[in-house]
Amino acid sequence: MEKYFKFILLIFLISASIFTYVGFFYQPSAKDEVNLDKEAGEKNIFEEKMPKEKIIQVEITEGATYGKLMEEAGLSLVAQNIYNAAEDVYDLSQIRLGRFIELVYDGATNECKGLNYQINVEEKLCVVKNEDGQWEAKKEEIQYETKIVNAAGTVQSSMYEAALENGIDERAVVELANAFQWTIDFAMDPRVGDTFEFVYEELYLDGEYIMPGMILAGRYVNAGEPYEIYYFEESEDNKGYFDADGNSVQKMFLKAPVAFKYISSGYTNGKRYVEAFNVATNHRAIDYAADYGAPIRSVGDGTVAFAGWNSGGYGNLTKIRHNGTYSTNYAHQSKISVRVGQKVKQGQIIGYVGSTGFSTGPHLHYEMVKNGVKINPLREILPPGEPIKEGNKERFLSKMEKYKKMME
């Protein structure tokens, strides 16, 4: 037995010596190190793939409320805390049908740590839980991806119809009309065969087209006469649309007091018989047919000289004195939203289309008065705003040429 024990002990000592020798002299090869690094790398990649957060979008459906949606999401306990934090920034009880509440969860703990809600096309509400466990809210500007595109069309019935026939977003057409609103009255001026081209921004969010952005340049050929506009920011005090020579196209008066509508009858010096009231009038004005309640805007800066009922057939009437030379009158309104002595700005809403006084249907009767005499507002030539200074012309022309090539 003693001999057998000594044999086992000898084998153990020899084995231990071999393992010690190998461990002392063996160094891992480069290949072994690569394999070790690979294993470590795979572990890191796995960790990186672990989501830091996950986002769930909750659609605001008919009859849904903030409280109900949060309850359905299992967040009743934090709903009030989020609401209270957001209250001074945005009232979450005013969420809109068709939009989404975006809930942000921690990827590891599945704890709700944020809420986002798009307030409008420019801003979103962001409510987050800070390191101290307190909820904080703020508004953030929505960051869109911007693409510069161009579009064109030929007028057969209207620019609006021509745009739709060419697959142009109708919102872009509205913005184009806004850009030309000092130059062209799209209710009165367009002719069959007129052409238009323009360069504008398309705004995308997460790769999805959302809406058109700013109109950067436009050309409208009206009865063979071309009109061009280019957006340019010369300074904080002088930015907007300019013609090809650098003159501002933004004038003292807008071309039309009703946006995106059409004119029912043109200017005439002759008598016009109004059958419903058995009277004849000198119709030295422009009638804009529009839906009842459509907003009426002041064509220029000025002071309200009269706002009230006129017994002479105008019905609800507003008169605005712009300066010592010009004043404008807006008749047949359903509602007046300004008062005598009030200062108004160009484009400000002063009332709403109606059919009061001598009127056979909803429309705006619009007059321009120059030195006490009614004139045709469509033919009055007005001076432009401040032109681009010579020192900035080169910068303007460089940008203009870029857009002009896109419209060729």
Protein backbone atom coordinates (compact mmCIF):
# COMPACT_ATOMS: atom_id res chain seq x y z
CA MET A 1 0.00 0.00 0.00
CA GLU A 2 2.82 2.40 0.88
CA LYS A 3 4.46 1.63 -2.48
CA TYR A 4 1.18 2.36 -4.31
CA PHE A 5 0.76 5.68 -2.48
CA LYS A 6 4.26 6.80 -3.40
CA PHE A 7 3.49 6.01 -7.08
CA ILE A 8 0.34 8.17 -7.07
CA LEU A 9 2.20 11.05 -5.38
CA LEU A 10 4.94 10.87 -8.03
CA ILE A 11 2.41 11.07 -10.88
CA PHE A 12 0.75 14.13 -9.24
CA LEU A 13 4.07 15.96 -8.83
CA ILE A 14 5.05 15.28 -12.46
CA SER A 15 1.66 16.58 -13.74
CA ALA A 16 1.88 19.71 -11.62
CA SER A 17 5.36 20.42 -12.94
CA ILE A 18 4.20 20.07 -16.56
CA PHE A 19 1.26 22.49 -16.07
CA THR A 20 3.48 25.01 -14.31
CA TYR A 21 6.04 24.82 -17.12
CA VAL A 22 3.44 25.32 -19.84
CA GLY A 23 1.77 28.19 -17.97
CA PHE A 24 5.10 29.93 -17.39
CA PHE A 25 6.42 29.72 -20.92
CA TYR A 26 3.19 29.88 -22.97
CA GLN A 27 2.22 33.27 -24.44
CA PRO A 28 -1.02 33.66 -26.39
CA SER A 29 -0.55 33.99 -30.14
CA ALA A 30 -1.77 36.93 -32.17
CA LYS A 31 -4.58 34.75 -33.43
CA ASP A 32 -5.63 33.95 -29.87
CA GLU A 33 -5.62 37.67 -28.99
CA VAL A 34 -7.80 38.42 -32.02
CA ASN A 35 -10.26 35.77 -30.92
CA LEU A 36 -10.36 37.21 -27.41
CA ASP A 37 -10.87 40.72 -28.80
CA LYS A 38 -13.59 39.41 -31.09
CA GLU A 39 -15.45 37.90 -28.18
CA ALA A 40 -15.15 41.14 -26.23
CA GLY A 41 -16.25 43.11 -29.29
CA GLU A 42 -19.30 40.94 -29.77
CA LYS A 43 -20.22 41.60 -26.18
CA ASN A 44 -19.84 45.38 -26.71
CA ILE A 45 -21.91 45.27 -29.88
CA PHE A 46 -24.62 43.43 -28.02
CA GLU A 47 -24.56 46.06 -25.30
CA GLU A 48 -24.76 48.85 -27.89
CA LYS A 49 -27.78 47.17 -29.47
CA MET A 50 -29.59 47.29 -26.16
CA PRO A 51 -32.02 50.21 -26.66
CA LYS A 52 -31.35 53.18 -24.44
CA GLU A 53 -34.98 54.14 -24.86
CA LYS A 54 -38.09 53.09 -26.71
CA ILE A 55 -40.83 55.32 -28.05
CA ILE A 56 -44.53 54.48 -28.30
CA GLN A 57 -46.88 56.70 -30.28
CA VAL A 58 -50.44 56.99 -29.01
CA GLU A 59 -52.94 58.34 -31.55
CA ILE A 60 -55.48 60.89 -30.36
CA THR A 61 -58.80 59.50 -31.58
CA GLU A 62 -62.37 60.80 -31.47
CA GLY A 63 -63.46 61.42 -27.89
CA ALA A 64 -60.02 60.71 -26.44
CA THR A 65 -58.64 62.84 -23.61
CA TYR A 66 -55.17 63.15 -22.17
CA GLY A 67 -56.20 61.42 -18.94
CA LYS A 68 -57.94 58.56 -20.73
CA LEU A 69 -55.00 57.93 -23.08
CA MET A 70 -52.51 57.93 -20.21
CA GLU A 71 -54.72 55.52 -18.25
CA GLU A 72 -54.90 53.16 -21.24
CA ALA A 73 -51.09 53.33 -21.47
CA GLY A 74 -50.84 52.28 -17.81
CA LEU A 75 -49.47 55.65 -16.73
CA SER A 76 -52.19 56.91 -14.43
CA LEU A 77 -49.71 57.41 -11.58
CA VAL A 78 -47.43 59.80 -13.54
CA ALA A 79 -50.10 61.41 -15.72
CA GLN A 80 -50.89 64.17 -13.24
CA ASN A 81 -47.21 64.91 -12.59
CA ILE A 82 -46.59 65.31 -16.32
CA TYR A 83 -49.71 67.46 -16.71
CA ASN A 84 -48.70 69.74 -13.84
CA ALA A 85 -45.17 70.15 -15.22
CA ALA A 86 -46.51 71.07 -18.67
CA GLU A 87 -49.33 73.35 -17.53
CA ASP A 88 -47.40 76.64 -17.80
CA VAL A 89 -46.00 75.64 -21.21
CA TYR A 90 -48.98 73.89 -22.83
CA ASP A 91 -52.34 72.68 -21.54
CA LEU A 92 -52.48 68.95 -22.32
CA SER A 93 -56.26 69.03 -22.04
CA GLN A 94 -56.18 70.82 -25.42
CA ILE A 95 -54.64 67.92 -27.38
CA ARG A 96 -55.95 67.73 -30.96
CA LEU A 97 -57.71 64.93 -32.78
CA GLY A 98 -55.50 63.10 -35.29
CA ARG A 99 -52.20 63.98 -33.64
CA PHE A 100 -50.05 61.73 -31.44
CA ILE A 101 -48.75 61.65 -27.89
CA GLU A 102 -45.24 60.21 -27.95
CA LEU A 103 -44.29 58.29 -24.79
CA VAL A 104 -40.59 57.74 -24.11
CA TYR A 105 -39.52 54.76 -21.99
CA ASP A 106 -36.16 53.73 -20.54
CA GLY A 107 -34.93 50.77 -22.59
CA ALA A 108 -33.55 48.92 -19.55
CA THR A 109 -36.12 49.63 -16.82
CA ASN A 110 -39.19 50.23 -19.01
CA GLU A 111 -39.93 53.30 -16.90
CA CYS A 112 -41.67 56.23 -18.60
CA LYS A 113 -39.18 59.09 -18.67
CA GLY A 114 -40.67 61.51 -21.19
CA LEU A 115 -43.63 62.72 -23.25
CA ASN A 116 -43.63 64.60 -26.55
CA TYR A 117 -46.57 66.27 -28.29
CA GLN A 118 -46.57 68.30 -31.51
CA ILE A 119 -48.34 71.56 -30.71
CA ASN A 120 -48.25 72.93 -34.26
CA VAL A 121 -46.08 72.69 -37.37
CA GLU A 122 -43.30 74.68 -35.73
CA GLU A 123 -43.18 73.57 -32.08
CA LYS A 124 -43.53 70.50 -29.91
CA LEU A 125 -43.98 70.02 -26.17
CA CYS A 126 -41.26 68.00 -24.44
CA VAL A 127 -41.75 66.79 -20.86
CA VAL A 128 -38.82 64.87 -19.32
CA LYS A 129 -37.93 63.41 -15.96
CA ASN A 130 -34.66 64.89 -14.68
CA GLU A 131 -31.95 63.22 -12.56
CA ASP A 132 -33.72 64.32 -9.38
CA GLY A 133 -36.87 62.53 -10.46
CA GLN A 134 -38.72 65.78 -11.16
CA TRP A 135 -40.71 66.41 -14.36
CA GLU A 136 -39.73 69.42 -16.48
CA ALA A 137 -41.46 70.81 -19.57
CA LYS A 138 -40.41 73.06 -22.44
CA LYS A 139 -41.26 73.88 -26.04
CA GLU A 140 -38.82 72.86 -28.74
CA GLU A 141 -38.63 73.92 -32.36
CA ILE A 142 -39.31 71.01 -34.71
CA GLN A 143 -36.22 70.24 -36.75
CA TYR A 144 -37.18 69.35 -40.32
CA GLU A 145 -35.04 68.04 -43.13
CA THR A 146 -35.27 70.52 -46.01
CA LYS A 147 -35.20 69.78 -49.73
CA ILE A 148 -35.16 72.51 -52.37
CA VAL A 149 -37.48 71.69 -55.28
CA ASN A 150 -39.09 73.47 -58.20
CA ALA A 151 -42.51 73.26 -59.84
CA ALA A 152 -44.30 74.77 -62.83
CA GLY A 153 -47.67 74.94 -64.54
CA THR A 154 -49.84 76.62 -67.18
CA VAL A 155 -53.09 78.33 -66.25
CA GLN A 156 -56.24 77.06 -67.97
CA SER A 157 -58.81 78.09 -65.38
CA SER A 158 -56.79 79.22 -62.35
CA MET A 159 -53.31 78.88 -60.92
CA TYR A 160 -54.76 76.76 -58.13
CA GLU A 161 -56.27 74.25 -60.58
CA ALA A 162 -53.11 74.25 -62.69
CA ALA A 163 -51.03 73.42 -59.64
CA LEU A 164 -53.26 70.51 -58.65
CA GLU A 165 -53.17 69.14 -62.20
CA ASN A 166 -49.36 69.09 -61.95
CA GLY A 167 -49.35 67.30 -58.60
CA ILE A 168 -48.19 70.36 -56.64
CA ASP A 169 -49.11 70.54 -52.97
CA GLU A 170 -51.98 73.04 -52.70
CA ARG A 171 -50.33 74.54 -49.61
CA ALA A 172 -47.34 75.49 -51.75
CA VAL A 173 -49.67 77.28 -54.18
CA VAL A 174 -51.20 79.26 -51.32
CA GLU A 175 -47.71 80.30 -50.19
CA LEU A 176 -46.83 81.28 -53.77
CA ALA A 177 -49.92 83.51 -53.88
CA ASN A 178 -48.81 85.05 -50.57
CA ALA A 179 -45.38 85.79 -52.01
CA PHE A 180 -46.96 87.56 -55.01
CA GLN A 181 -49.71 89.27 -52.99
CA TRP A 182 -48.28 92.77 -53.53
CA THR A 183 -47.84 92.21 -57.27
CA ILE A 184 -50.66 90.06 -58.61
CA ASP A 185 -54.30 89.71 -57.66
CA PHE A 186 -54.87 86.05 -58.46
CA ALA A 187 -58.61 86.61 -58.50
CA MET A 188 -58.51 89.29 -61.21
CA ASP A 189 -55.21 89.30 -63.08
CA PRO A 190 -54.64 85.72 -64.37
CA ARG A 191 -55.36 84.84 -68.01
CA VAL A 192 -55.64 81.53 -69.81
CA GLY A 193 -52.16 80.60 -70.99
CA ASP A 194 -50.34 82.32 -68.12
CA THR A 195 -47.40 80.28 -66.85
CA PHE A 196 -45.76 80.03 -63.45
CA GLU A 197 -42.61 78.46 -62.04
CA PHE A 198 -41.29 78.57 -58.51
CA VAL A 199 -38.62 77.22 -56.20
CA TYR A 200 -39.60 76.26 -52.68
CA GLU A 201 -38.72 74.15 -49.67
CA GLU A 202 -40.19 70.75 -48.91
CA LEU A 203 -40.02 69.82 -45.24
CA TYR A 204 -39.50 66.22 -44.12
CA LEU A 205 -39.60 64.58 -40.70
CA ASP A 206 -38.02 61.14 -40.27
CA GLY A 207 -37.91 60.78 -44.04
CA GLU A 208 -41.62 61.52 -44.49
CA TYR A 209 -42.83 64.58 -46.43
CA ILE A 210 -44.76 66.85 -44.07
CA MET A 211 -45.44 70.17 -45.81
CA PRO A 212 -44.04 72.89 -48.03
CA GLY A 213 -41.77 75.48 -46.48
CA MET A 214 -40.73 78.90 -47.71
CA ILE A 215 -41.12 80.12 -51.29
CA LEU A 216 -37.57 81.01 -52.35
CA ALA A 217 -38.21 82.30 -55.88
CA GLY A 218 -41.05 82.58 -58.34
CA ARG A 219 -41.87 83.69 -61.87
CA TYR A 220 -45.38 84.41 -63.11
CA VAL A 221 -45.98 85.38 -66.75
CA ASN A 222 -49.27 87.29 -66.89
CA ALA A 223 -50.61 88.06 -70.38
CA GLY A 224 -47.02 87.89 -71.66
CA GLU A 225 -45.61 90.12 -68.91
CA PRO A 226 -43.13 88.32 -66.60
CA TYR A 227 -43.01 89.03 -62.88
CA GLU A 228 -40.19 87.61 -60.77
CA ILE A 229 -39.66 87.47 -57.02
CA TYR A 230 -36.69 86.25 -54.95
CA TYR A 231 -36.50 85.85 -51.20
CA PHE A 232 -33.47 87.56 -49.68
CA GLU A 233 -32.38 88.64 -46.22
CA GLU A 234 -30.25 91.74 -46.55
CA SER A 235 -30.47 92.47 -42.83
CA GLU A 236 -32.77 91.85 -39.90
CA ASP A 237 -34.67 95.02 -40.84
CA ASN A 238 -34.85 94.42 -44.59
CA LYS A 239 -35.79 90.92 -45.63
CA GLY A 240 -38.50 89.60 -47.88
CA TYR A 241 -39.19 89.40 -51.60
CA PHE A 242 -37.36 91.43 -54.24
CA ASP A 243 -37.51 91.62 -58.04
CA ALA A 244 -34.59 90.76 -60.32
CA ASP A 245 -33.17 94.28 -59.90
CA GLY A 246 -33.17 94.09 -56.13
CA ASN A 247 -36.23 96.29 -55.64
CA SER A 248 -38.64 95.24 -52.89
CA VAL A 249 -41.96 93.93 -54.21
CA GLN A 250 -43.60 94.54 -50.83
CA LYS A 251 -45.60 97.73 -51.38
CA MET A 252 -47.80 100.10 -49.42
CA PHE A 253 -50.95 98.14 -50.32
CA LEU A 254 -51.77 94.49 -50.90
CA LYS A 255 -53.37 93.77 -54.26
CA ALA A 256 -56.47 92.24 -52.65
CA PRO A 257 -58.24 92.62 -49.29
CA VAL A 258 -59.53 89.03 -49.36
CA ALA A 259 -57.00 86.24 -49.62
CA PHE A 260 -57.40 83.26 -51.96
CA LYS A 261 -60.79 84.24 -53.25
CA TYR A 262 -62.05 85.61 -56.56
CA ILE A 263 -63.56 88.85 -57.73
CA SER A 264 -67.18 88.63 -58.79
CA SER A 265 -67.26 91.80 -60.84
CA GLY A 266 -64.65 94.14 -62.24
CA TYR A 267 -64.17 97.88 -62.02
CA THR A 268 -66.47 100.08 -64.06
CA ASN A 269 -67.32 103.79 -64.24
CA GLY A 270 -70.76 103.03 -65.66
CA LYS A 271 -74.05 102.66 -63.82
CA ARG A 272 -74.82 99.22 -62.40
CA TYR A 273 -78.43 98.28 -61.72
CA VAL A 274 -79.01 96.46 -58.45
CA GLU A 275 -82.37 94.74 -59.07
CA ALA A 276 -83.02 93.64 -55.50
CA PHE A 277 -83.10 97.25 -54.26
CA ASN A 278 -84.36 99.00 -57.41
CA VAL A 279 -81.47 101.47 -57.40
CA ALA A 280 -78.60 102.27 -59.74
CA THR A 281 -75.07 103.00 -58.54
CA ASN A 282 -71.73 104.11 -59.83
CA HIS A 283 -69.84 100.93 -59.07
CA ARG A 284 -66.40 102.47 -58.66
CA ALA A 285 -65.22 99.55 -56.59
CA ILE A 286 -64.23 95.90 -56.70
CA ASP A 287 -66.57 93.21 -55.42
CA TYR A 288 -64.88 90.15 -53.99
CA ALA A 289 -67.25 87.21 -53.85
CA ALA A 290 -66.32 85.04 -50.89
CA ASP A 291 -67.90 82.69 -48.41
CA TYR A 292 -69.88 84.22 -45.59
CA GLY A 293 -67.50 84.87 -42.68
CA ALA A 294 -64.31 84.90 -44.77
CA PRO A 295 -61.76 87.22 -43.13
CA ILE A 296 -61.19 90.68 -44.57
CA ARG A 297 -57.73 92.18 -44.22
CA SER A 298 -56.54 95.76 -44.33
CA VAL A 299 -54.53 96.29 -47.50
CA GLY A 300 -52.11 98.60 -45.71
CA ASP A 301 -51.05 100.18 -42.44
CA GLY A 302 -53.39 102.90 -41.20
CA THR A 303 -55.91 104.19 -38.69
CA VAL A 304 -59.58 103.20 -38.52
CA ALA A 305 -61.58 106.33 -39.41
CA PHE A 306 -65.03 104.70 -39.31
CA ALA A 307 -66.35 101.33 -38.11
CA GLY A 308 -70.07 100.76 -37.90
CA TRP A 309 -73.40 100.77 -39.68
CA ASN A 310 -73.83 102.90 -42.80
CA SER A 311 -77.38 103.77 -43.81
CA GLY A 312 -76.42 104.58 -47.38
CA GLY A 313 -76.37 100.95 -48.54
CA TYR A 314 -72.90 99.88 -47.40
CA GLY A 315 -74.24 98.03 -44.35
CA ASN A 316 -71.44 97.31 -41.88
CA LEU A 317 -68.60 99.52 -43.11
CA THR A 318 -64.98 100.10 -42.13
CA LYS A 319 -62.92 103.04 -43.43
CA ILE A 320 -59.16 103.08 -42.97
CA ARG A 321 -57.07 106.22 -43.47
CA HIS A 322 -53.57 105.20 -44.60
CA ASN A 323 -52.03 108.66 -45.00
CA GLY A 324 -52.93 112.11 -46.27
CA THR A 325 -53.50 110.73 -49.78
CA TYR A 326 -55.08 107.29 -49.52
CA SER A 327 -57.96 105.66 -47.66
CA THR A 328 -59.84 102.39 -48.26
CA ASN A 329 -63.43 101.29 -47.60
CA TYR A 330 -64.72 97.78 -46.80
CA ALA A 331 -68.51 97.31 -47.00
CA HIS A 332 -71.28 94.71 -46.42
CA GLN A 333 -69.39 93.02 -43.57
CA SER A 334 -71.10 90.47 -41.35
CA LYS A 335 -68.93 91.52 -38.43
CA ILE A 336 -66.50 94.37 -37.74
CA SER A 337 -63.51 93.53 -35.55
CA VAL A 338 -61.85 96.96 -35.18
CA ARG A 339 -62.85 100.25 -33.60
CA VAL A 340 -62.52 103.92 -34.55
CA GLY A 341 -59.04 105.29 -33.82
CA GLN A 342 -57.40 101.88 -33.76
CA LYS A 343 -54.05 101.48 -35.54
CA VAL A 344 -53.98 98.54 -37.97
CA LYS A 345 -51.16 96.81 -39.83
CA GLN A 346 -51.07 95.59 -43.42
CA GLY A 347 -52.76 92.19 -43.62
CA GLN A 348 -54.48 92.52 -40.24
CA ILE A 349 -58.03 91.13 -40.10
CA ILE A 350 -60.50 93.99 -39.71
CA GLY A 351 -63.79 92.17 -40.25
CA TYR A 352 -65.60 89.33 -42.00
CA VAL A 353 -67.46 88.96 -45.29
CA GLY A 354 -71.22 89.32 -45.07
CA SER A 355 -74.26 90.59 -46.97
CA THR A 356 -75.43 93.64 -45.02
CA GLY A 357 -76.84 96.79 -46.65
CA PHE A 358 -77.55 96.78 -50.38
CA SER A 359 -76.20 93.30 -51.06
CA THR A 360 -77.68 90.32 -52.89
CA GLY A 361 -75.22 87.79 -51.47
CA PRO A 362 -72.05 87.41 -49.43
CA HIS A 363 -69.23 89.55 -50.82
CA LEU A 364 -66.86 92.37 -49.97
CA HIS A 365 -67.36 95.74 -51.64
CA TYR A 366 -63.86 97.29 -51.68
CA GLU A 367 -63.01 100.89 -52.55
CA MET A 368 -59.78 102.85 -52.73
CA VAL A 369 -59.93 106.64 -52.36
CA LYS A 370 -57.11 108.95 -53.48
CA ASN A 371 -57.28 112.63 -52.53
CA GLY A 372 -61.02 112.27 -51.92
CA VAL A 373 -61.74 110.57 -55.27
CA LYS A 374 -62.56 106.87 -55.74
CA ILE A 375 -60.04 105.19 -58.03
CA ASN A 376 -59.49 101.75 -59.54
CA PRO A 377 -57.24 99.95 -57.04
CA LEU A 378 -56.17 97.43 -59.67
CA ARG A 379 -54.50 100.11 -61.76
CA GLU A 380 -52.86 102.19 -59.07
CA ILE A 381 -49.05 102.02 -59.27
CA LEU A 382 -47.42 102.19 -55.86
CA PRO A 383 -43.76 102.64 -54.90
CA PRO A 384 -41.93 99.54 -53.61
CA GLY A 385 -40.30 99.14 -50.23
CA GLU A 386 -36.61 99.58 -49.47
CA PRO A 387 -34.33 98.20 -52.25
CA ILE A 388 -31.20 96.14 -51.64
CA LYS A 389 -28.15 98.30 -51.04
CA GLU A 390 -25.37 98.28 -53.64
CA GLY A 391 -22.96 96.69 -51.18
CA ASN A 392 -25.24 93.64 -50.92
CA LYS A 393 -26.20 93.35 -54.60
CA GLU A 394 -23.48 90.80 -55.42
CA ARG A 395 -24.67 88.48 -52.66
CA PHE A 396 -28.27 88.89 -53.83
CA LEU A 397 -27.44 88.29 -57.51
CA SER A 398 -25.48 85.15 -56.66
CA LYS A 399 -28.48 83.65 -54.88
CA MET A 400 -30.88 84.88 -57.55
CA GLU A 401 -28.91 83.22 -60.37
CA LYS A 402 -28.98 79.91 -58.53
CA TYR A 403 -32.77 79.98 -58.31
CA LYS A 404 -33.19 81.35 -61.82
CA LYS A 405 -31.34 78.33 -63.25
CA MET A 406 -33.70 76.04 -61.36
CA MET A 407 -36.66 77.72 -63.07
CA GLU A 408 -35.25 77.48 -66.60
